[in-house]
């Protein structure tokens, strides 16, 4: 069964076997070891890195920030316009 990209289940599967508490780097390492899809891995890499995740719901709550960061990286830069004198 294929899970929707935004589904918590894909992150739970990618992080199967992780020991909590865990840092973002440890989450990335576990997801890589588990062969997570590139888009899932990218979201995890872009989650906040300001401490440890205590339980899986902490991860789920922060995937939104990871997704937003990935989306922002894909946005083309807006051209700046010089002001006329």
PDB file of N, CA and C in Angstrom:
ATOM      1  N   UNK A   1       0.837  -1.181   0.000  1.00  0.00           N
ATOM      2  CA  UNK A   1       0.000   0.000   0.000  1.00  0.00           C
ATOM      3  C   UNK A   1       0.882   1.245   0.000  1.00  0.00           C
ATOM      4  N   UNK A   2       0.608   2.144  -0.899  1.00  0.00           N
ATOM      5  CA  UNK A   2       1.396   3.369  -1.005  1.00  0.00           C
ATOM      6  C   UNK A   2       0.754   4.453  -0.146  1.00  0.00           C
ATOM      7  N   UNK A   3       1.574   5.142   0.635  1.00  0.00           N
ATOM      8  CA  UNK A   3       1.082   6.195   1.505  1.00  0.00           C
ATOM      9  C   UNK A   3       1.229   7.546   0.821  1.00  0.00           C
ATOM     10  N   UNK A   4       0.324   8.449   1.152  1.00  0.00           N
ATOM     11  CA  UNK A   4       0.417   9.809   0.629  1.00  0.00           C
ATOM     12  C   UNK A   4       1.704  10.450   1.131  1.00  0.00           C
ATOM     13  N   UNK A   5       2.284  11.311   0.317  1.00  0.00           N
ATOM     14  CA  UNK A   5       3.575  11.925   0.664  1.00  0.00           C
ATOM     15  C   UNK A   5       3.539  12.650   2.000  1.00  0.00           C
ATOM     16  N   UNK A   6       2.420  13.258   2.349  1.00  0.00           N
ATOM     17  CA  UNK A   6       2.332  14.004   3.590  1.00  0.00           C
ATOM     18  C   UNK A   6       1.976  13.148   4.789  1.00  0.00           C
ATOM     19  N   UNK A   7       1.773  11.884   4.582  1.00  0.00           N
ATOM     20  CA  UNK A   7       1.327  10.980   5.633  1.00  0.00           C
ATOM     21  C   UNK A   7       2.418  10.710   6.665  1.00  0.00           C
ATOM     22  N   UNK A   8       2.017  10.677   7.938  1.00  0.00           N
ATOM     23  CA  UNK A   8       2.963  10.347   9.005  1.00  0.00           C
ATOM     24  C   UNK A   8       3.523   8.944   8.840  1.00  0.00           C
ATOM     25  N   UNK A   9       2.764   8.060   8.207  1.00  0.00           N
ATOM     26  CA  UNK A   9       3.194   6.672   8.054  1.00  0.00           C
ATOM     27  C   UNK A   9       4.498   6.553   7.269  1.00  0.00           C
ATOM     28  N   UNK A  10       4.715   7.417   6.281  1.00  0.00           N
ATOM     29  CA  UNK A  10       5.958   7.307   5.503  1.00  0.00           C
ATOM     30  C   UNK A  10       7.163   7.709   6.344  1.00  0.00           C
ATOM     31  N   UNK A  11       6.957   8.644   7.276  1.00  0.00           N
ATOM     32  CA  UNK A  11       8.058   9.044   8.152  1.00  0.00           C
ATOM     33  C   UNK A  11       8.307   7.985   9.223  1.00  0.00           C
ATOM     34  N   UNK A  12       7.235   7.373   9.719  1.00  0.00           N
ATOM     35  CA  UNK A  12       7.386   6.293  10.694  1.00  0.00           C
ATOM     36  C   UNK A  12       8.143   5.126  10.061  1.00  0.00           C
ATOM     37  N   UNK A  13       7.826   4.811   8.812  1.00  0.00           N
ATOM     38  CA  UNK A  13       8.509   3.713   8.117  1.00  0.00           C
ATOM     39  C   UNK A  13       9.975   4.079   7.866  1.00  0.00           C
ATOM     40  N   UNK A  14      10.232   5.307   7.449  1.00  0.00           N
ATOM     41  CA  UNK A  14      11.598   5.749   7.170  1.00  0.00           C
ATOM     42  C   UNK A  14      12.453   5.709   8.429  1.00  0.00           C
ATOM     43  N   UNK A  15      11.833   5.921   9.588  1.00  0.00           N
ATOM     44  CA  UNK A  15      12.576   5.998  10.848  1.00  0.00           C
ATOM     45  C   UNK A  15      12.441   4.736  11.696  1.00  0.00           C
ATOM     46  N   UNK A  16      11.941   3.692  11.095  1.00  0.00           N
ATOM     47  CA  UNK A  16      11.781   2.430  11.822  1.00  0.00           C
ATOM     48  C   UNK A  16      13.111   2.013  12.462  1.00  0.00           C
ATOM     49  N   UNK A  17      13.054   1.712  13.760  1.00  0.00           N
ATOM     50  CA  UNK A  17      14.243   1.271  14.480  1.00  0.00           C
ATOM     51  C   UNK A  17      14.998   2.389  15.189  1.00  0.00           C
ATOM     52  N   UNK A  18      14.566   3.643  15.013  1.00  0.00           N
ATOM     53  CA  UNK A  18      15.256   4.760  15.665  1.00  0.00           C
ATOM     54  C   UNK A  18      15.072   4.669  17.176  1.00  0.00           C
ATOM     55  N   UNK A  19      16.095   5.036  17.896  1.00  0.00           N
ATOM     56  CA  UNK A  19      16.035   5.071  19.359  1.00  0.00           C
ATOM     57  C   UNK A  19      15.904   6.535  19.774  1.00  0.00           C
ATOM     58  N   UNK A  20      14.888   6.814  20.569  1.00  0.00           N
ATOM     59  CA  UNK A  20      14.667   8.169  21.085  1.00  0.00           C
ATOM     60  C   UNK A  20      15.234   8.290  22.479  1.00  0.00           C
ATOM     61  N   UNK A  21      15.665   9.479  22.874  1.00  0.00           N
ATOM     62  CA  UNK A  21      15.702  10.715  22.097  1.00  0.00           C
ATOM     63  C   UNK A  21      16.731  10.635  20.978  1.00  0.00           C
ATOM     64  N   UNK A  22      16.481  11.417  19.923  1.00  0.00           N
ATOM     65  CA  UNK A  22      17.360  11.410  18.758  1.00  0.00           C
ATOM     66  C   UNK A  22      17.496  12.818  18.189  1.00  0.00           C
ATOM     67  N   UNK A  23      18.685  13.123  17.694  1.00  0.00           N
ATOM     68  CA  UNK A  23      18.920  14.403  17.027  1.00  0.00           C
ATOM     69  C   UNK A  23      18.438  14.309  15.584  1.00  0.00           C
ATOM     70  N   UNK A  24      18.341  15.455  14.930  1.00  0.00           N
ATOM     71  CA  UNK A  24      17.965  15.436  13.519  1.00  0.00           C
ATOM     72  C   UNK A  24      18.975  14.632  12.707  1.00  0.00           C
ATOM     73  N   UNK A  25      20.258  14.771  13.013  1.00  0.00           N
ATOM     74  CA  UNK A  25      21.270  14.018  12.274  1.00  0.00           C
ATOM     75  C   UNK A  25      21.081  12.513  12.445  1.00  0.00           C
ATOM     76  N   UNK A  26      20.692  12.095  13.628  1.00  0.00           N
ATOM     77  CA  UNK A  26      20.428  10.665  13.855  1.00  0.00           C
ATOM     78  C   UNK A  26      19.195  10.215  13.072  1.00  0.00           C
ATOM     79  N   UNK A  27      18.191  11.091  12.966  1.00  0.00           N
ATOM     80  CA  UNK A  27      17.005  10.767  12.164  1.00  0.00           C
ATOM     81  C   UNK A  27      17.389  10.603  10.696  1.00  0.00           C
ATOM     82  N   UNK A  28      18.224  11.504  10.207  1.00  0.00           N
ATOM     83  CA  UNK A  28      18.677  11.432   8.815  1.00  0.00           C
ATOM     84  C   UNK A  28      19.448  10.133   8.588  1.00  0.00           C
ATOM     85  N   UNK A  29      20.322   9.804   9.524  1.00  0.00           N
ATOM     86  CA  UNK A  29      21.119   8.583   9.412  1.00  0.00           C
ATOM     87  C   UNK A  29      20.225   7.338   9.360  1.00  0.00           C
ATOM     88  N   UNK A  30      19.216   7.295  10.233  1.00  0.00           N
ATOM     89  CA  UNK A  30      18.319   6.135  10.262  1.00  0.00           C
ATOM     90  C   UNK A  30      17.484   6.055   8.986  1.00  0.00           C
ATOM     91  N   UNK A  31      16.973   7.194   8.521  1.00  0.00           N
ATOM     92  CA  UNK A  31      16.167   7.205   7.300  1.00  0.00           C
ATOM     93  C   UNK A  31      17.007   6.760   6.098  1.00  0.00           C
ATOM     94  N   UNK A  32      18.255   7.191   6.056  1.00  0.00           N
ATOM     95  CA  UNK A  32      19.158   6.778   4.986  1.00  0.00           C
ATOM     96  C   UNK A  32      19.387   5.271   5.048  1.00  0.00           C
ATOM     97  N   UNK A  33      19.661   4.780   6.243  1.00  0.00           N
ATOM     98  CA  UNK A  33      19.887   3.344   6.454  1.00  0.00           C
ATOM     99  C   UNK A  33      18.671   2.523   6.020  1.00  0.00           C
ATOM    100  N   UNK A  34      17.475   3.080   6.244  1.00  0.00           N
ATOM    101  CA  UNK A  34      16.239   2.378   5.894  1.00  0.00           C
ATOM    102  C   UNK A  34      15.836   2.560   4.436  1.00  0.00           C
ATOM    103  N   UNK A  35      16.632   3.291   3.670  1.00  0.00           N
ATOM    104  CA  UNK A  35      16.345   3.479   2.243  1.00  0.00           C
ATOM    105  C   UNK A  35      15.153   4.375   1.976  1.00  0.00           C
ATOM    106  N   UNK A  36      14.987   5.407   2.780  1.00  0.00           N
ATOM    107  CA  UNK A  36      13.870   6.343   2.604  1.00  0.00           C
ATOM    108  C   UNK A  36      13.927   6.985   1.223  1.00  0.00           C
ATOM    109  N   UNK A  37      12.769   7.275   0.691  1.00  0.00           N
ATOM    110  CA  UNK A  37      12.671   7.960  -0.602  1.00  0.00           C
ATOM    111  C   UNK A  37      13.370   9.319  -0.505  1.00  0.00           C
ATOM    112  N   UNK A  38      13.957   9.783  -1.595  1.00  0.00           N
ATOM    113  CA  UNK A  38      14.671  11.063  -1.563  1.00  0.00           C
ATOM    114  C   UNK A  38      13.836  12.230  -1.047  1.00  0.00           C
ATOM    115  N   UNK A  39      12.560  12.292  -1.411  1.00  0.00           N
ATOM    116  CA  UNK A  39      11.731  13.405  -0.953  1.00  0.00           C
ATOM    117  C   UNK A  39      11.484  13.336   0.551  1.00  0.00           C
ATOM    118  N   UNK A  40      11.355  12.147   1.097  1.00  0.00           N
ATOM    119  CA  UNK A  40      11.176  11.972   2.543  1.00  0.00           C
ATOM    120  C   UNK A  40      12.460  12.353   3.264  1.00  0.00           C
ATOM    121  N   UNK A  41      13.566  11.905   2.755  1.00  0.00           N
ATOM    122  CA  UNK A  41      14.867  12.219   3.341  1.00  0.00           C
ATOM    123  C   UNK A  41      15.118  13.725   3.326  1.00  0.00           C
ATOM    124  N   UNK A  42      14.740  14.379   2.250  1.00  0.00           N
ATOM    125  CA  UNK A  42      14.928  15.830   2.133  1.00  0.00           C
ATOM    126  C   UNK A  42      14.118  16.580   3.198  1.00  0.00           C
ATOM    127  N   UNK A  43      12.896  16.136   3.452  1.00  0.00           N
ATOM    128  CA  UNK A  43      12.068  16.767   4.489  1.00  0.00           C
ATOM    129  C   UNK A  43      12.727  16.600   5.856  1.00  0.00           C
ATOM    130  N   UNK A  44      13.195  15.396   6.144  1.00  0.00           N
ATOM    131  CA  UNK A  44      13.833  15.138   7.443  1.00  0.00           C
ATOM    132  C   UNK A  44      15.091  16.003   7.595  1.00  0.00           C
ATOM    133  N   UNK A  45      15.877  16.112   6.534  1.00  0.00           N
ATOM    134  CA  UNK A  45      17.094  16.934   6.575  1.00  0.00           C
ATOM    135  C   UNK A  45      16.785  18.399   6.841  1.00  0.00           C
ATOM    136  N   UNK A  46      15.601  18.841   6.472  1.00  0.00           N
ATOM    137  CA  UNK A  46      15.232  20.244   6.622  1.00  0.00           C
ATOM    138  C   UNK A  46      14.383  20.526   7.855  1.00  0.00           C
ATOM    139  N   UNK A  47      14.202  19.537   8.701  1.00  0.00           N
ATOM    140  CA  UNK A  47      13.500  19.770   9.958  1.00  0.00           C
ATOM    141  C   UNK A  47      14.406  20.559  10.892  1.00  0.00           C
ATOM    142  N   UNK A  48      13.826  21.239  11.885  1.00  0.00           N
ATOM    143  CA  UNK A  48      14.645  22.005  12.834  1.00  0.00           C
ATOM    144  C   UNK A  48      15.727  21.140  13.491  1.00  0.00           C
ATOM    145  N   UNK A  49      16.888  21.750  13.701  1.00  0.00           N
ATOM    146  CA  UNK A  49      18.029  21.043  14.286  1.00  0.00           C
ATOM    147  C   UNK A  49      18.441  21.735  15.580  1.00  0.00           C
ATOM    148  N   UNK A  50      17.460  21.959  16.435  1.00  0.00           N
ATOM    149  CA  UNK A  50      17.734  22.736  17.648  1.00  0.00           C
ATOM    150  C   UNK A  50      17.530  21.926  18.926  1.00  0.00           C
ATOM    151  N   UNK A  51      17.851  20.664  18.880  1.00  0.00           N
ATOM    152  CA  UNK A  51      17.715  19.825  20.069  1.00  0.00           C
ATOM    153  C   UNK A  51      17.429  18.389  19.684  1.00  0.00           C
ATOM    154  N   UNK A  52      16.848  17.675  20.621  1.00  0.00           N
ATOM    155  CA  UNK A  52      16.528  16.270  20.376  1.00  0.00           C
ATOM    156  C   UNK A  52      15.021  16.081  20.238  1.00  0.00           C
ATOM    157  N   UNK A  53      14.664  15.124  19.416  1.00  0.00           N
ATOM    158  CA  UNK A  53      13.282  14.697  19.283  1.00  0.00           C
ATOM    159  C   UNK A  53      13.085  13.587  20.310  1.00  0.00           C
ATOM    160  N   UNK A  54      12.089  13.750  21.175  1.00  0.00           N
ATOM    161  CA  UNK A  54      11.892  12.818  22.282  1.00  0.00           C
ATOM    162  C   UNK A  54      11.083  11.586  21.912  1.00  0.00           C
ATOM    163  N   UNK A  55      10.088  11.775  21.043  1.00  0.00           N
ATOM    164  CA  UNK A  55       9.199  10.690  20.623  1.00  0.00           C
ATOM    165  C   UNK A  55       8.788  10.923  19.168  1.00  0.00           C
ATOM    166  N   UNK A  56       8.231   9.887  18.528  1.00  0.00           N
ATOM    167  CA  UNK A  56       7.856   9.996  17.117  1.00  0.00           C
ATOM    168  C   UNK A  56       6.879  11.146  16.845  1.00  0.00           C
ATOM    169  N   UNK A  57       5.887  11.410  17.703  1.00  0.00           N
ATOM    170  CA  UNK A  57       5.018  12.558  17.421  1.00  0.00           C
ATOM    171  C   UNK A  57       5.771  13.890  17.329  1.00  0.00           C
ATOM    172  N   UNK A  58       6.900  14.031  18.010  1.00  0.00           N
ATOM    173  CA  UNK A  58       7.737  15.224  17.858  1.00  0.00           C
ATOM    174  C   UNK A  58       8.215  15.338  16.413  1.00  0.00           C
ATOM    175  N   UNK A  59       8.573  14.218  15.835  1.00  0.00           N
ATOM    176  CA  UNK A  59       9.014  14.195  14.436  1.00  0.00           C
ATOM    177  C   UNK A  59       7.852  14.608  13.540  1.00  0.00           C
ATOM    178  N   UNK A  60       6.690  13.989  13.757  1.00  0.00           N
ATOM    179  CA  UNK A  60       5.526  14.286  12.925  1.00  0.00           C
ATOM    180  C   UNK A  60       5.181  15.773  12.964  1.00  0.00           C
ATOM    181  N   UNK A  61       5.273  16.387  14.144  1.00  0.00           N
ATOM    182  CA  UNK A  61       4.941  17.807  14.286  1.00  0.00           C
ATOM    183  C   UNK A  61       5.924  18.691  13.527  1.00  0.00           C
ATOM    184  N   UNK A  62       7.136  18.225  13.316  1.00  0.00           N
ATOM    185  CA  UNK A  62       8.164  19.044  12.657  1.00  0.00           C
ATOM    186  C   UNK A  62       8.337  18.756  11.178  1.00  0.00           C
ATOM    187  N   UNK A  63       7.646  17.752  10.649  1.00  0.00           N
ATOM    188  CA  UNK A  63       7.762  17.503   9.208  1.00  0.00           C
ATOM    189  C   UNK A  63       7.185  18.671   8.418  1.00  0.00           C
ATOM    190  N   UNK A  64       6.202  19.387   8.974  1.00  0.00           N
ATOM    191  CA  UNK A  64       5.631  20.550   8.271  1.00  0.00           C
ATOM    192  C   UNK A  64       6.708  21.603   8.026  1.00  0.00           C
ATOM    193  N   UNK A  65       7.531  21.880   9.039  1.00  0.00           N
ATOM    194  CA  UNK A  65       8.617  22.850   8.859  1.00  0.00           C
ATOM    195  C   UNK A  65       9.621  22.353   7.827  1.00  0.00           C
ATOM    196  N   UNK A  66       9.897  21.054   7.842  1.00  0.00           N
ATOM    197  CA  UNK A  66      10.802  20.474   6.851  1.00  0.00           C
ATOM    198  C   UNK A  66      10.251  20.613   5.443  1.00  0.00           C
ATOM    199  N   UNK A  67       8.949  20.352   5.288  1.00  0.00           N
ATOM    200  CA  UNK A  67       8.324  20.472   3.968  1.00  0.00           C
ATOM    201  C   UNK A  67       8.341  21.915   3.499  1.00  0.00           C
ATOM    202  N   UNK A  68       8.056  22.850   4.412  1.00  0.00           N
ATOM    203  CA  UNK A  68       8.070  24.269   4.054  1.00  0.00           C
ATOM    204  C   UNK A  68       9.471  24.707   3.615  1.00  0.00           C
ATOM    205  N   UNK A  69      10.500  24.223   4.299  1.00  0.00           N
ATOM    206  CA  UNK A  69      11.878  24.579   3.944  1.00  0.00           C
ATOM    207  C   UNK A  69      12.245  24.039   2.565  1.00  0.00           C
ATOM    208  N   UNK A  70      11.825  22.803   2.272  1.00  0.00           N
ATOM    209  CA  UNK A  70      12.104  22.212   0.956  1.00  0.00           C
ATOM    210  C   UNK A  70      11.391  23.022  -0.121  1.00  0.00           C
ATOM    211  N   UNK A  71      10.130  23.380   0.123  1.00  0.00           N
ATOM    212  CA  UNK A  71       9.363  24.158  -0.856  1.00  0.00           C
ATOM    213  C   UNK A  71      10.012  25.517  -1.097  1.00  0.00           C
ATOM    214  N   UNK A  72      10.492  26.145  -0.034  1.00  0.00           N
ATOM    215  CA  UNK A  72      11.138  27.459  -0.173  1.00  0.00           C
ATOM    216  C   UNK A  72      12.409  27.368  -1.009  1.00  0.00           C
ATOM    217  N   UNK A  73      13.133  26.268  -0.884  1.00  0.00           N
ATOM    218  CA  UNK A  73      14.360  26.087  -1.664  1.00  0.00           C
ATOM    219  C   UNK A  73      14.063  25.931  -3.141  1.00  0.00           C
ATOM    220  N   UNK A  74      12.866  25.427  -3.460  1.00  0.00           N
ATOM    221  CA  UNK A  74      12.501  25.181  -4.854  1.00  0.00           C
ATOM    222  C   UNK A  74      11.888  26.395  -5.522  1.00  0.00           C
ATOM    223  N   UNK A  75      11.544  27.429  -4.737  1.00  0.00           N
ATOM    224  CA  UNK A  75      10.949  28.638  -5.295  1.00  0.00           C
ATOM    225  C   UNK A  75      12.005  29.414  -6.075  1.00  0.00           C
ATOM    226  N   UNK A  76      11.677  29.821  -7.292  1.00  0.00           N
ATOM    227  CA  UNK A  76      12.642  30.648  -8.032  1.00  0.00           C
ATOM    228  C   UNK A  76      12.782  32.006  -7.345  1.00  0.00           C
ATOM    229  N   UNK A  77      13.971  32.542  -7.420  1.00  0.00           N
ATOM    230  CA  UNK A  77      14.235  33.848  -6.817  1.00  0.00           C
ATOM    231  C   UNK A  77      13.434  34.910  -7.569  1.00  0.00           C
ATOM    232  N   UNK A  78      12.838  35.825  -6.811  1.00  0.00           N
ATOM    233  CA  UNK A  78      12.092  36.901  -7.433  1.00  0.00           C
ATOM    234  C   UNK A  78      13.064  37.959  -7.924  1.00  0.00           C
ATOM    235  N   UNK A  79      12.895  38.389  -9.184  1.00  0.00           N
ATOM    236  CA  UNK A  79      13.819  39.425  -9.693  1.00  0.00           C
ATOM    237  C   UNK A  79      13.575  40.739  -8.965  1.00  0.00           C
ATOM    238  N   UNK A  80      14.649  41.448  -8.700  1.00  0.00           N
ATOM    239  CA  UNK A  80      14.519  42.752  -8.055  1.00  0.00           C
ATOM    240  C   UNK A  80      14.437  43.816  -9.130  1.00  0.00           C
ATOM    241  N   UNK A  81      13.615  44.801  -8.877  1.00  0.00           N
ATOM    242  CA  UNK A  81      13.466  45.882  -9.851  1.00  0.00           C
ATOM    243  C   UNK A  81      14.113  47.137  -9.278  1.00  0.00           C
ATOM    244  N   UNK A  82      14.918  47.783 -10.089  1.00  0.00           N
ATOM    245  CA  UNK A  82      15.536  49.039  -9.674  1.00  0.00           C
ATOM    246  C   UNK A  82      14.485  50.127  -9.660  1.00  0.00           C
ATOM    247  N   UNK A  83      14.539  50.957  -8.663  1.00  0.00           N
ATOM    248  CA  UNK A  83      13.593  52.069  -8.567  1.00  0.00           C
ATOM    249  C   UNK A  83      13.979  53.166  -9.553  1.00  0.00           C
ATOM    250  N   UNK A  84      12.986  53.679 -10.243  1.00  0.00           N
ATOM    251  CA  UNK A  84      13.228  54.768 -11.189  1.00  0.00           C
ATOM    252  C   UNK A  84      13.439  56.060 -10.417  1.00  0.00           C
ATOM    253  N   UNK A  85      14.314  56.914 -10.944  1.00  0.00           N
ATOM    254  CA  UNK A  85      14.588  58.210 -10.292  1.00  0.00           C
ATOM    255  C   UNK A  85      13.667  59.259 -10.791  1.00  0.00           C
TER     256      UNK A  85
END
